[in-house]
Amino acid sequence: MSAAALVALLPLLLAGPASATAYRYWSFWSWSGSAWTYQQQGPNTNVPADGSVDGWRFGVSVDSAHAVQPRSTGAPSFAELCAKAPPVSGKKRVAVVIDYGTDAGAPAERGGCAVLATDASSAQLLAQLVPPLRYDSNGILCAISGYPAQGCGEAVADNGSAPAAAAPRPTGGGSSTPVLGWTAGAALVAALGGAAWWRNRRRGNTN
């Protein structure tokens, strides 16, 4: 291939994937008092304090930096959600907000108050409040109250409407650098350099 042809292909190879893969999954949040914060710990290891508010949202996201938050008409209130659950000695109360997302057939948003031992994890609190929970073989939460009935963190089309190739759910933040595009670009630069070297060598041999 000539150097001119390789130069013409350079923009196409450097472009790489135009968009990052999106996933449909349950994202896990905590209310900080003024905003939702994405939980970097899994629900099995996160141990919220008494008076905390956990949040869950089912939806399509690329990574934690772009994850969809639980919706609410106002700030989630521990006092309101746990108003009918009086304090119990030796136990804690944690308010939980569950947003099933906007898919057709999704249950309505709900909230409640879980009461368990002070060392209970967010997963145990969720299991008490909205069973059954479904996990995959890697311990990733797939369904709350049986929703969705199947699937677990599957990759979806750009519009979030249909499953794409199976892929694991993202576990945290991160960039979506087009690695393939940069690798192809580096190979092309090397090819261009080789072509120029070969052309110069031929000229030297003919002189």
Protein backbone atom coordinates (compact mmCIF):
# COMPACT_ATOMS: atom_id res chain seq x y z
CA MET A 1 0.00 0.00 0.00
CA SER A 2 1.37 3.45 -0.87
CA ALA A 3 2.15 6.09 1.74
CA ALA A 4 -0.60 8.30 0.29
CA ALA A 5 -3.18 5.54 0.77
CA LEU A 6 -2.08 4.99 4.37
CA VAL A 7 -2.38 8.70 5.12
CA ALA A 8 -5.92 8.64 3.71
CA LEU A 9 -6.84 5.80 6.08
CA LEU A 10 -5.34 7.46 9.19
CA PRO A 11 -8.49 9.38 10.31
CA LEU A 12 -10.61 6.23 10.04
CA LEU A 13 -8.22 4.07 12.05
CA LEU A 14 -7.65 6.67 14.74
CA ALA A 15 -11.39 7.18 15.19
CA GLY A 16 -11.81 3.75 16.83
CA PRO A 17 -15.09 2.94 18.59
CA ALA A 18 -17.41 5.93 18.47
CA SER A 19 -19.12 5.23 21.80
CA ALA A 20 -18.54 3.30 24.99
CA THR A 21 -20.55 0.22 25.87
CA ALA A 22 -23.59 0.82 28.09
CA TYR A 23 -25.01 -1.65 30.60
CA ARG A 24 -28.40 -2.21 32.22
CA TYR A 25 -28.01 -2.84 35.94
CA TRP A 26 -28.91 -1.84 39.49
CA SER A 27 -26.67 1.02 40.66
CA PHE A 28 -26.13 1.55 44.40
CA TRP A 29 -26.20 4.98 46.09
CA SER A 30 -26.14 6.68 49.49
CA TRP A 31 -27.72 10.00 50.42
CA SER A 32 -25.14 12.44 51.79
CA GLY A 33 -27.63 14.99 53.05
CA SER A 34 -27.74 17.10 49.91
CA ALA A 35 -27.12 14.71 47.00
CA TRP A 36 -26.85 11.08 45.98
CA THR A 37 -23.33 9.62 46.04
CA TYR A 38 -22.44 6.53 44.01
CA GLN A 39 -21.39 3.72 46.34
CA GLN A 40 -17.90 2.42 45.59
CA GLN A 41 -18.47 -0.57 47.91
CA GLY A 42 -20.77 -3.45 47.10
CA PRO A 43 -23.93 -3.91 49.18
CA ASN A 44 -22.48 -7.00 50.86
CA THR A 45 -19.54 -5.05 52.30
CA ASN A 46 -21.17 -1.66 52.88
CA VAL A 47 -22.41 -1.26 56.48
CA PRO A 48 -24.53 1.90 56.75
CA ALA A 49 -24.94 3.68 60.06
CA ASP A 50 -28.22 4.22 61.86
CA GLY A 51 -30.11 7.04 60.18
CA SER A 52 -28.57 6.45 56.74
CA VAL A 53 -30.42 6.41 53.43
CA ASP A 54 -29.52 3.81 50.80
CA GLY A 55 -30.65 4.24 47.20
CA TRP A 56 -31.03 1.86 44.25
CA ARG A 57 -31.75 2.70 40.62
CA PHE A 58 -32.28 0.32 37.70
CA GLY A 59 -31.21 1.81 34.39
CA VAL A 60 -28.65 2.04 31.61
CA SER A 61 -25.23 3.56 32.31
CA VAL A 62 -21.75 3.53 30.80
CA ASP A 63 -19.91 3.78 34.14
CA SER A 64 -20.28 5.15 37.67
CA ALA A 65 -19.53 8.70 36.53
CA HIS A 66 -22.60 8.61 34.27
CA ALA A 67 -24.85 6.30 36.30
CA VAL A 68 -28.50 7.29 36.60
CA GLN A 69 -29.49 8.31 40.12
CA PRO A 70 -32.67 7.40 42.01
CA ARG A 71 -35.38 9.86 41.11
CA SER A 72 -37.34 11.69 43.75
CA THR A 73 -39.79 14.58 43.92
CA GLY A 74 -37.80 15.86 46.89
CA ALA A 75 -34.84 14.99 49.08
CA PRO A 76 -35.24 11.49 50.53
CA SER A 77 -36.11 11.88 54.20
CA PHE A 78 -34.99 9.34 56.80
CA ALA A 79 -37.48 10.82 59.28
CA GLU A 80 -40.34 10.34 56.83
CA LEU A 81 -39.40 6.87 55.57
CA CYS A 82 -38.73 5.52 59.07
CA ALA A 83 -41.55 7.40 60.83
CA LYS A 84 -43.45 4.15 61.50
CA ALA A 85 -40.39 2.23 62.68
CA PRO A 86 -39.55 3.26 66.25
CA PRO A 87 -35.97 2.87 67.51
CA VAL A 88 -35.08 -0.61 68.81
CA SER A 89 -32.30 -1.20 71.31
CA GLY A 90 -29.31 -2.96 69.74
CA LYS A 91 -30.57 -2.38 66.18
CA LYS A 92 -30.36 0.31 63.54
CA ARG A 93 -32.81 1.86 61.11
CA VAL A 94 -31.85 2.58 57.53
CA ALA A 95 -34.15 4.17 54.97
CA VAL A 96 -34.07 2.61 51.49
CA VAL A 97 -35.22 4.16 48.20
CA ILE A 98 -35.78 1.80 45.25
CA ASP A 99 -36.25 3.24 41.76
CA TYR A 100 -37.13 0.54 39.21
CA GLY A 101 -36.41 2.81 36.26
CA THR A 102 -38.45 3.69 33.21
CA ASP A 103 -38.69 0.37 31.35
CA ALA A 104 -42.21 -0.70 30.38
CA GLY A 105 -43.69 -2.87 33.12
CA ALA A 106 -41.28 -1.67 35.81
CA PRO A 107 -42.82 -1.42 39.31
CA ALA A 108 -43.41 2.00 40.79
CA GLU A 109 -40.71 3.70 42.84
CA ARG A 110 -40.89 2.79 46.49
CA GLY A 111 -39.19 3.49 49.79
CA GLY A 112 -39.13 1.88 53.19
CA CYS A 113 -37.29 1.46 56.45
CA ALA A 114 -35.23 -1.63 57.30
CA VAL A 115 -34.48 -2.51 60.92
CA LEU A 116 -31.64 -4.93 61.65
CA ALA A 117 -28.56 -5.40 63.83
CA THR A 118 -26.06 -2.54 63.85
CA ASP A 119 -23.53 -4.58 61.85
CA ALA A 120 -26.02 -5.47 59.07
CA SER A 121 -24.89 -4.78 55.52
CA SER A 122 -26.87 -2.88 52.88
CA ALA A 123 -27.56 -6.22 51.17
CA GLN A 124 -29.11 -7.65 54.35
CA LEU A 125 -31.22 -4.54 54.85
CA LEU A 126 -32.40 -4.68 51.24
CA ALA A 127 -33.25 -8.39 51.55
CA GLN A 128 -35.40 -7.68 54.60
CA LEU A 129 -37.27 -4.87 52.92
CA VAL A 130 -37.81 -5.97 49.30
CA PRO A 131 -37.22 -9.72 48.77
CA PRO A 132 -36.47 -11.72 46.75
CA LEU A 133 -33.02 -10.62 45.60
CA ARG A 134 -31.25 -12.37 42.73
CA TYR A 135 -27.46 -12.54 42.42
CA ASP A 136 -25.20 -13.98 39.74
CA SER A 137 -22.28 -16.37 40.33
CA ASN A 138 -19.95 -13.40 40.95
CA GLY A 139 -22.14 -11.98 43.70
CA ILE A 140 -23.46 -9.10 41.58
CA LEU A 141 -27.00 -8.01 42.42
CA CYS A 142 -29.19 -8.74 39.39
CA ALA A 143 -32.76 -8.26 40.61
CA ILE A 144 -34.68 -6.58 43.44
CA SER A 145 -38.12 -7.95 44.29
CA GLY A 146 -37.63 -10.25 41.31
CA TYR A 147 -37.14 -7.33 38.90
CA PRO A 148 -35.94 -7.76 36.24
CA ALA A 149 -37.02 -11.37 35.82
CA GLN A 150 -33.89 -12.22 33.82
CA GLY A 151 -30.57 -10.75 32.77
CA CYS A 152 -27.77 -9.30 34.84
CA GLY A 153 -25.69 -6.29 33.87
CA GLU A 154 -25.97 -7.09 30.17
CA ALA A 155 -24.58 -4.79 27.50
CA VAL A 156 -27.29 -2.97 25.57
CA ALA A 157 -27.68 -1.05 22.33
CA ASP A 158 -26.90 2.67 22.29
CA ASN A 159 -30.54 3.56 22.98
CA GLY A 160 -30.74 1.09 25.87
CA SER A 161 -33.65 -0.76 24.30
CA ALA A 162 -32.16 -4.11 23.35
CA PRO A 163 -29.45 -6.41 24.71
CA ALA A 164 -26.17 -6.52 22.83
CA ALA A 165 -23.26 -8.90 23.31
CA ALA A 166 -23.05 -10.27 26.84
CA ALA A 167 -20.59 -8.37 29.00
CA PRO A 168 -19.97 -7.92 32.74
CA ARG A 169 -21.51 -5.06 34.64
CA PRO A 170 -19.12 -2.18 35.32
CA THR A 171 -17.97 -2.00 38.95
CA GLY A 172 -16.76 1.56 39.13
CA GLY A 173 -15.67 4.68 37.31
CA GLY A 174 -13.24 4.78 34.45
CA SER A 175 -12.59 6.24 31.06
CA SER A 176 -13.71 4.83 27.75
CA THR A 177 -10.48 5.48 25.85
CA PRO A 178 -10.66 3.99 22.33
CA VAL A 179 -7.71 1.64 22.83
CA LEU A 180 -8.30 -0.12 19.53
CA GLY A 181 -8.21 3.16 17.66
CA TRP A 182 -4.93 4.29 19.23
CA THR A 183 -3.32 0.88 18.67
CA ALA A 184 -4.28 0.93 15.01
CA GLY A 185 -3.01 4.50 14.74
CA ALA A 186 0.36 3.55 16.22
CA ALA A 187 0.66 0.67 13.75
CA LEU A 188 -0.19 3.04 10.91
CA VAL A 189 2.45 5.56 12.00
CA ALA A 190 5.01 2.74 12.02
CA ALA A 191 3.88 1.68 8.54
CA LEU A 192 4.21 5.24 7.26
CA GLY A 193 7.71 5.49 8.65
CA GLY A 194 8.65 2.19 7.03
CA ALA A 195 7.27 3.28 3.68
CA ALA A 196 9.25 6.53 3.80
CA TRP A 197 12.43 4.67 4.75
CA TRP A 198 11.98 2.18 1.88
CA ARG A 199 11.34 5.00 -0.62
CA ASN A 200 14.47 6.87 0.46
CA ARG A 201 16.53 3.67 0.28
CA ARG A 202 15.36 3.03 -3.28
CA ARG A 203 16.26 6.56 -4.27
CA GLY A 204 19.74 6.10 -2.74
CA ASN A 205 20.28 2.88 -4.66
CA THR A 206 19.34 4.50 -7.95
CA ASN A 207 21.69 7.46 -7.49
